Amino acid sequence: MEKLGLVHIKTGDGPGKTTSAFGLALRAAGRGYRVYIVQFMKKGEYGELKAIKYVPNIEVEQFGREEFVDRERPEEEDVKLAQEALRRAEEVAMSGRYDLVILDEVNVAMDYGLIKVEDVLKLIRNKPSHVELVLTGRGAPEQVCEIADYVTEFKEIKHPWRRGISGRRGIEF
């Protein structure tokens, strides 16, 4: 990294947003950069987490329940965990100890109203200049996309789940 911390948004209804962010984490770690991944609304042993354990310079922390969050009626615990995740992301980014900080599914947390868009914008504006930020998840707010340097939209064209094929271990999770 050229010590110019830019902001990436990975959003859209297609699969691959988290996988893309983890790929960037691998690339950065391969160059000796320190990476921290904060996962919003997730808890569990996904395949990428098992693999990342073998890679130096990447840390992952999850803030969520194993159950899906109800968009219309999120549990109080979901709100609490999302707010904790944002506080942790701020702490990590502001520490300056990490070169790349990934906020996985933060866009969904904003879209569901678990955290405020303004608080995420504040983090983006106040982060140290060398810290690269990646925000993933569907429903990225327009204000966040406007301030970002990269915005990539993942679009579903065709997906096996529409034919009743469930997520497969090692491919979807």
C-alpha atoms as a PDB file:
ATOM      1  CA  MET A   1       0.000   0.000   0.000  1.00  0.00           C
ATOM      2  CA  GLU A   2       1.244   3.417  -0.846  1.00  0.00           C
ATOM      3  CA  LYS A   3       0.131   4.787   2.531  1.00  0.00           C
ATOM      4  CA  LEU A   4      -2.896   6.347   0.859  1.00  0.00           C
ATOM      5  CA  GLY A   5      -5.856   4.836   2.673  1.00  0.00           C
ATOM      6  CA  LEU A   6      -8.806   4.731   0.318  1.00  0.00           C
ATOM      7  CA  VAL A   7     -12.383   3.554   0.908  1.00  0.00           C
ATOM      8  CA  HIS A   8     -13.940   0.586  -0.918  1.00  0.00           C
ATOM      9  CA  ILE A   9     -17.628  -0.311  -1.066  1.00  0.00           C
ATOM     10  CA  LYS A  10     -18.658  -3.826  -2.118  1.00  0.00           C
ATOM     11  CA  THR A  11     -22.434  -3.922  -2.426  1.00  0.00           C
ATOM     12  CA  GLY A  12     -25.303  -5.304  -4.502  1.00  0.00           C
ATOM     13  CA  ASP A  13     -27.614  -8.303  -4.513  1.00  0.00           C
ATOM     14  CA  GLY A  14     -25.118 -10.736  -6.016  1.00  0.00           C
ATOM     15  CA  PRO A  15     -22.871 -13.123  -4.096  1.00  0.00           C
ATOM     16  CA  GLY A  16     -19.166 -12.560  -3.522  1.00  0.00           C
ATOM     17  CA  LYS A  17     -18.891  -9.335  -1.533  1.00  0.00           C
ATOM     18  CA  THR A  18     -17.346 -10.918   1.568  1.00  0.00           C
ATOM     19  CA  THR A  19     -15.257 -13.283  -0.559  1.00  0.00           C
ATOM     20  CA  SER A  20     -13.871 -10.315  -2.492  1.00  0.00           C
ATOM     21  CA  ALA A  21     -13.005  -8.484   0.723  1.00  0.00           C
ATOM     22  CA  PHE A  22     -11.256 -11.584   2.084  1.00  0.00           C
ATOM     23  CA  GLY A  23      -9.322 -11.829  -1.182  1.00  0.00           C
ATOM     24  CA  LEU A  24      -8.116  -8.263  -0.690  1.00  0.00           C
ATOM     25  CA  ALA A  25      -7.161  -9.171   2.893  1.00  0.00           C
ATOM     26  CA  LEU A  26      -5.047 -12.065   1.576  1.00  0.00           C
ATOM     27  CA  ARG A  27      -3.384  -9.814  -0.982  1.00  0.00           C
ATOM     28  CA  ALA A  28      -2.535  -7.194   1.658  1.00  0.00           C
ATOM     29  CA  ALA A  29      -1.285  -9.796   4.164  1.00  0.00           C
ATOM     30  CA  GLY A  30       0.854 -11.316   1.422  1.00  0.00           C
ATOM     31  CA  ARG A  31       2.593  -7.951   1.142  1.00  0.00           C
ATOM     32  CA  GLY A  32       3.177  -7.775   4.894  1.00  0.00           C
ATOM     33  CA  TYR A  33       0.329  -5.416   5.761  1.00  0.00           C
ATOM     34  CA  ARG A  34      -1.721  -5.827   8.929  1.00  0.00           C
ATOM     35  CA  VAL A  35      -5.417  -6.557   8.380  1.00  0.00           C
ATOM     36  CA  TYR A  36      -8.362  -6.473  10.772  1.00  0.00           C
ATOM     37  CA  ILE A  37     -11.800  -7.758   9.788  1.00  0.00           C
ATOM     38  CA  VAL A  38     -14.869  -6.820  11.821  1.00  0.00           C
ATOM     39  CA  GLN A  39     -17.882  -8.924  10.885  1.00  0.00           C
ATOM     40  CA  PHE A  40     -21.278  -7.369  11.568  1.00  0.00           C
ATOM     41  CA  MET A  41     -24.343  -9.608  12.034  1.00  0.00           C
ATOM     42  CA  LYS A  42     -22.309 -12.812  11.686  1.00  0.00           C
ATOM     43  CA  LYS A  43     -21.340 -15.596  14.025  1.00  0.00           C
ATOM     44  CA  GLY A  44     -20.161 -19.000  12.989  1.00  0.00           C
ATOM     45  CA  GLU A  45     -17.356 -21.007  11.509  1.00  0.00           C
ATOM     46  CA  TYR A  46     -17.423 -20.026   7.837  1.00  0.00           C
ATOM     47  CA  GLY A  47     -14.872 -21.585   5.475  1.00  0.00           C
ATOM     48  CA  GLU A  48     -12.965 -18.339   5.014  1.00  0.00           C
ATOM     49  CA  LEU A  49     -12.479 -18.058   8.790  1.00  0.00           C
ATOM     50  CA  LYS A  50     -10.949 -21.532   8.937  1.00  0.00           C
ATOM     51  CA  ALA A  51      -8.503 -20.641   6.149  1.00  0.00           C
ATOM     52  CA  ILE A  52      -7.606 -17.196   7.524  1.00  0.00           C
ATOM     53  CA  LYS A  53      -6.360 -18.791  10.764  1.00  0.00           C
ATOM     54  CA  TYR A  54      -3.325 -19.977   8.785  1.00  0.00           C
ATOM     55  CA  VAL A  55      -2.479 -16.531   7.410  1.00  0.00           C
ATOM     56  CA  PRO A  56      -0.282 -14.201   9.456  1.00  0.00           C
ATOM     57  CA  ASN A  57      -1.243 -10.535   9.832  1.00  0.00           C
ATOM     58  CA  ILE A  58      -5.032 -11.061   9.581  1.00  0.00           C
ATOM     59  CA  GLU A  59      -7.328 -10.860  12.587  1.00  0.00           C
ATOM     60  CA  VAL A  60     -11.090 -11.439  12.501  1.00  0.00           C
ATOM     61  CA  GLU A  61     -13.704 -10.583  15.102  1.00  0.00           C
ATOM     62  CA  GLN A  62     -17.408 -11.423  14.803  1.00  0.00           C
ATOM     63  CA  PHE A  63     -20.308  -9.472  16.276  1.00  0.00           C
ATOM     64  CA  GLY A  64     -23.576 -11.241  15.728  1.00  0.00           C
ATOM     65  CA  ARG A  65     -25.830 -14.142  16.503  1.00  0.00           C
ATOM     66  CA  GLU A  66     -26.027 -17.337  14.485  1.00  0.00           C
ATOM     67  CA  GLU A  67     -29.665 -16.534  13.665  1.00  0.00           C
ATOM     68  CA  PHE A  68     -30.606 -14.203  10.822  1.00  0.00           C
ATOM     69  CA  VAL A  69     -31.608 -10.690  11.803  1.00  0.00           C
ATOM     70  CA  ASP A  70     -35.257  -9.777  11.174  1.00  0.00           C
ATOM     71  CA  ARG A  71     -35.079  -6.568   9.156  1.00  0.00           C
ATOM     72  CA  GLU A  72     -38.522  -5.396  10.294  1.00  0.00           C
ATOM     73  CA  ARG A  73     -38.115  -6.340  13.963  1.00  0.00           C
ATOM     74  CA  PRO A  74     -34.450  -6.763  14.906  1.00  0.00           C
ATOM     75  CA  GLU A  75     -33.793  -8.105  18.378  1.00  0.00           C
ATOM     76  CA  GLU A  76     -32.335  -5.727  20.947  1.00  0.00           C
ATOM     77  CA  GLU A  77     -29.267  -7.989  20.997  1.00  0.00           C
ATOM     78  CA  ASP A  78     -28.765  -7.431  17.238  1.00  0.00           C
ATOM     79  CA  VAL A  79     -28.698  -3.653  17.718  1.00  0.00           C
ATOM     80  CA  LYS A  80     -26.319  -3.967  20.678  1.00  0.00           C
ATOM     81  CA  LEU A  81     -23.924  -6.246  18.776  1.00  0.00           C
ATOM     82  CA  ALA A  82     -23.902  -4.036  15.661  1.00  0.00           C
ATOM     83  CA  GLN A  83     -23.114  -0.987  17.769  1.00  0.00           C
ATOM     84  CA  GLU A  84     -20.327  -2.897  19.528  1.00  0.00           C
ATOM     85  CA  ALA A  85     -18.962  -3.892  16.110  1.00  0.00           C
ATOM     86  CA  LEU A  86     -18.902  -0.278  14.961  1.00  0.00           C
ATOM     87  CA  ARG A  87     -17.154   0.828  18.170  1.00  0.00           C
ATOM     88  CA  ARG A  88     -14.572  -1.927  17.665  1.00  0.00           C
ATOM     89  CA  ALA A  89     -14.073  -0.956  14.007  1.00  0.00           C
ATOM     90  CA  GLU A  90     -13.498   2.668  15.065  1.00  0.00           C
ATOM     91  CA  GLU A  91     -11.047   1.613  17.762  1.00  0.00           C
ATOM     92  CA  VAL A  92      -9.099  -0.597  15.353  1.00  0.00           C
ATOM     93  CA  ALA A  93      -9.054   1.944  12.501  1.00  0.00           C
ATOM     94  CA  MET A  94      -8.093   4.855  14.760  1.00  0.00           C
ATOM     95  CA  SER A  95      -5.304   2.874  16.430  1.00  0.00           C
ATOM     96  CA  GLY A  96      -3.260   3.176  13.238  1.00  0.00           C
ATOM     97  CA  ARG A  97      -1.881  -0.328  13.882  1.00  0.00           C
ATOM     98  CA  TYR A  98      -3.655  -1.794  10.867  1.00  0.00           C
ATOM     99  CA  ASP A  99      -3.233  -0.975   7.198  1.00  0.00           C
ATOM    100  CA  LEU A 100      -6.509  -2.509   6.011  1.00  0.00           C
ATOM    101  CA  VAL A 101      -9.729  -2.617   8.044  1.00  0.00           C
ATOM    102  CA  ILE A 102     -12.715  -4.503   6.648  1.00  0.00           C
ATOM    103  CA  LEU A 103     -16.217  -3.850   7.952  1.00  0.00           C
ATOM    104  CA  ASP A 104     -17.968  -6.955   6.647  1.00  0.00           C
ATOM    105  CA  GLU A 105     -21.780  -6.597   6.304  1.00  0.00           C
ATOM    106  CA  VAL A 106     -21.719  -3.057   7.719  1.00  0.00           C
ATOM    107  CA  ASN A 107     -23.893  -1.892   4.812  1.00  0.00           C
ATOM    108  CA  VAL A 108     -26.616  -4.335   5.878  1.00  0.00           C
ATOM    109  CA  ALA A 109     -26.337  -3.142   9.486  1.00  0.00           C
ATOM    110  CA  MET A 110     -26.945   0.426   8.272  1.00  0.00           C
ATOM    111  CA  ASP A 111     -29.760  -0.654   5.946  1.00  0.00           C
ATOM    112  CA  TYR A 112     -31.496  -2.496   8.815  1.00  0.00           C
ATOM    113  CA  GLY A 113     -31.152   0.546  11.086  1.00  0.00           C
ATOM    114  CA  LEU A 114     -28.893  -1.236  13.583  1.00  0.00           C
ATOM    115  CA  ILE A 115     -26.293   1.534  13.300  1.00  0.00           C
ATOM    116  CA  LYS A 116     -26.464   5.081  11.967  1.00  0.00           C
ATOM    117  CA  VAL A 117     -25.153   6.047   8.548  1.00  0.00           C
ATOM    118  CA  GLU A 118     -23.786   9.257  10.089  1.00  0.00           C
ATOM    119  CA  ASP A 119     -21.597   7.235  12.476  1.00  0.00           C
ATOM    120  CA  VAL A 120     -20.068   5.254   9.605  1.00  0.00           C
ATOM    121  CA  LEU A 121     -19.482   8.473   7.635  1.00  0.00           C
ATOM    122  CA  LYS A 122     -17.741   9.919  10.701  1.00  0.00           C
ATOM    123  CA  LEU A 123     -15.444   6.865  10.847  1.00  0.00           C
ATOM    124  CA  ILE A 124     -14.594   7.259   7.150  1.00  0.00           C
ATOM    125  CA  ARG A 125     -13.863  10.968   7.508  1.00  0.00           C
ATOM    126  CA  ASN A 126     -11.793  10.637  10.694  1.00  0.00           C
ATOM    127  CA  LYS A 127      -9.724   7.521   9.996  1.00  0.00           C
ATOM    128  CA  PRO A 128      -5.947   7.910   9.779  1.00  0.00           C
ATOM    129  CA  SER A 129      -4.902   8.766   6.228  1.00  0.00           C
ATOM    130  CA  HIS A 130      -2.964   5.505   5.703  1.00  0.00           C
ATOM    131  CA  VAL A 131      -5.826   3.162   6.725  1.00  0.00           C
ATOM    132  CA  GLU A 132      -7.609   1.484   3.821  1.00  0.00           C
ATOM    133  CA  LEU A 133     -11.273   0.730   4.634  1.00  0.00           C
ATOM    134  CA  VAL A 134     -13.538  -1.829   2.974  1.00  0.00           C
ATOM    135  CA  LEU A 135     -17.296  -1.829   3.635  1.00  0.00           C
ATOM    136  CA  THR A 136     -19.288  -4.825   2.422  1.00  0.00           C
ATOM    137  CA  GLY A 137     -22.932  -5.821   2.247  1.00  0.00           C
ATOM    138  CA  ARG A 138     -26.073  -5.160   0.251  1.00  0.00           C
ATOM    139  CA  GLY A 139     -27.854  -1.859   0.477  1.00  0.00           C
ATOM    140  CA  ALA A 140     -24.908   0.522   0.799  1.00  0.00           C
ATOM    141  CA  PRO A 141     -26.353   3.983   1.485  1.00  0.00           C
ATOM    142  CA  GLU A 142     -25.875   6.568  -1.242  1.00  0.00           C
ATOM    143  CA  GLN A 143     -24.071   8.955   1.141  1.00  0.00           C
ATOM    144  CA  VAL A 144     -21.465   6.282   1.861  1.00  0.00           C
ATOM    145  CA  CYS A 145     -21.041   5.470  -1.835  1.00  0.00           C
ATOM    146  CA  GLU A 146     -20.540   9.166  -2.610  1.00  0.00           C
ATOM    147  CA  ILE A 147     -17.649   9.523  -0.155  1.00  0.00           C
ATOM    148  CA  ALA A 148     -15.968   6.223  -1.182  1.00  0.00           C
ATOM    149  CA  ASP A 149     -13.113   5.920  -3.662  1.00  0.00           C
ATOM    150  CA  TYR A 150     -14.144   2.503  -5.043  1.00  0.00           C
ATOM    151  CA  VAL A 151     -17.736   1.317  -5.407  1.00  0.00           C
ATOM    152  CA  THR A 152     -18.324  -2.147  -6.826  1.00  0.00           C
ATOM    153  CA  GLU A 153     -21.810  -3.539  -7.286  1.00  0.00           C
ATOM    154  CA  PHE A 154     -22.247  -7.308  -7.315  1.00  0.00           C
ATOM    155  CA  LYS A 155     -25.271  -8.178  -9.432  1.00  0.00           C
ATOM    156  CA  GLU A 156     -27.019 -11.522  -9.367  1.00  0.00           C
ATOM    157  CA  ILE A 157     -27.703 -12.741 -12.886  1.00  0.00           C
ATOM    158  CA  LYS A 158     -28.398 -16.361 -12.010  1.00  0.00           C
ATOM    159  CA  HIS A 159     -28.057 -18.312  -8.763  1.00  0.00           C
ATOM    160  CA  PRO A 160     -28.738 -21.985  -7.938  1.00  0.00           C
ATOM    161  CA  TRP A 161     -30.726 -21.126  -4.795  1.00  0.00           C
ATOM    162  CA  ARG A 162     -33.540 -19.967  -7.084  1.00  0.00           C
ATOM    163  CA  ARG A 163     -33.775 -23.623  -8.191  1.00  0.00           C
ATOM    164  CA  GLY A 164     -33.914 -24.797  -4.573  1.00  0.00           C
ATOM    165  CA  ILE A 165     -30.222 -25.643  -4.218  1.00  0.00           C
ATOM    166  CA  SER A 166     -29.091 -24.716  -0.702  1.00  0.00           C
ATOM    167  CA  GLY A 167     -25.808 -23.038   0.152  1.00  0.00           C
ATOM    168  CA  ARG A 168     -22.932 -25.495  -0.078  1.00  0.00           C
ATOM    169  CA  ARG A 169     -20.094 -25.852   2.416  1.00  0.00           C
ATOM    170  CA  GLY A 170     -16.867 -24.521   0.909  1.00  0.00           C
ATOM    171  CA  ILE A 171     -18.668 -22.603  -1.859  1.00  0.00           C
ATOM    172  CA  GLU A 172     -21.304 -20.369  -0.240  1.00  0.00           C
ATOM    173  CA  PHE A 173     -20.059 -20.649   3.339  1.00  0.00           C
END
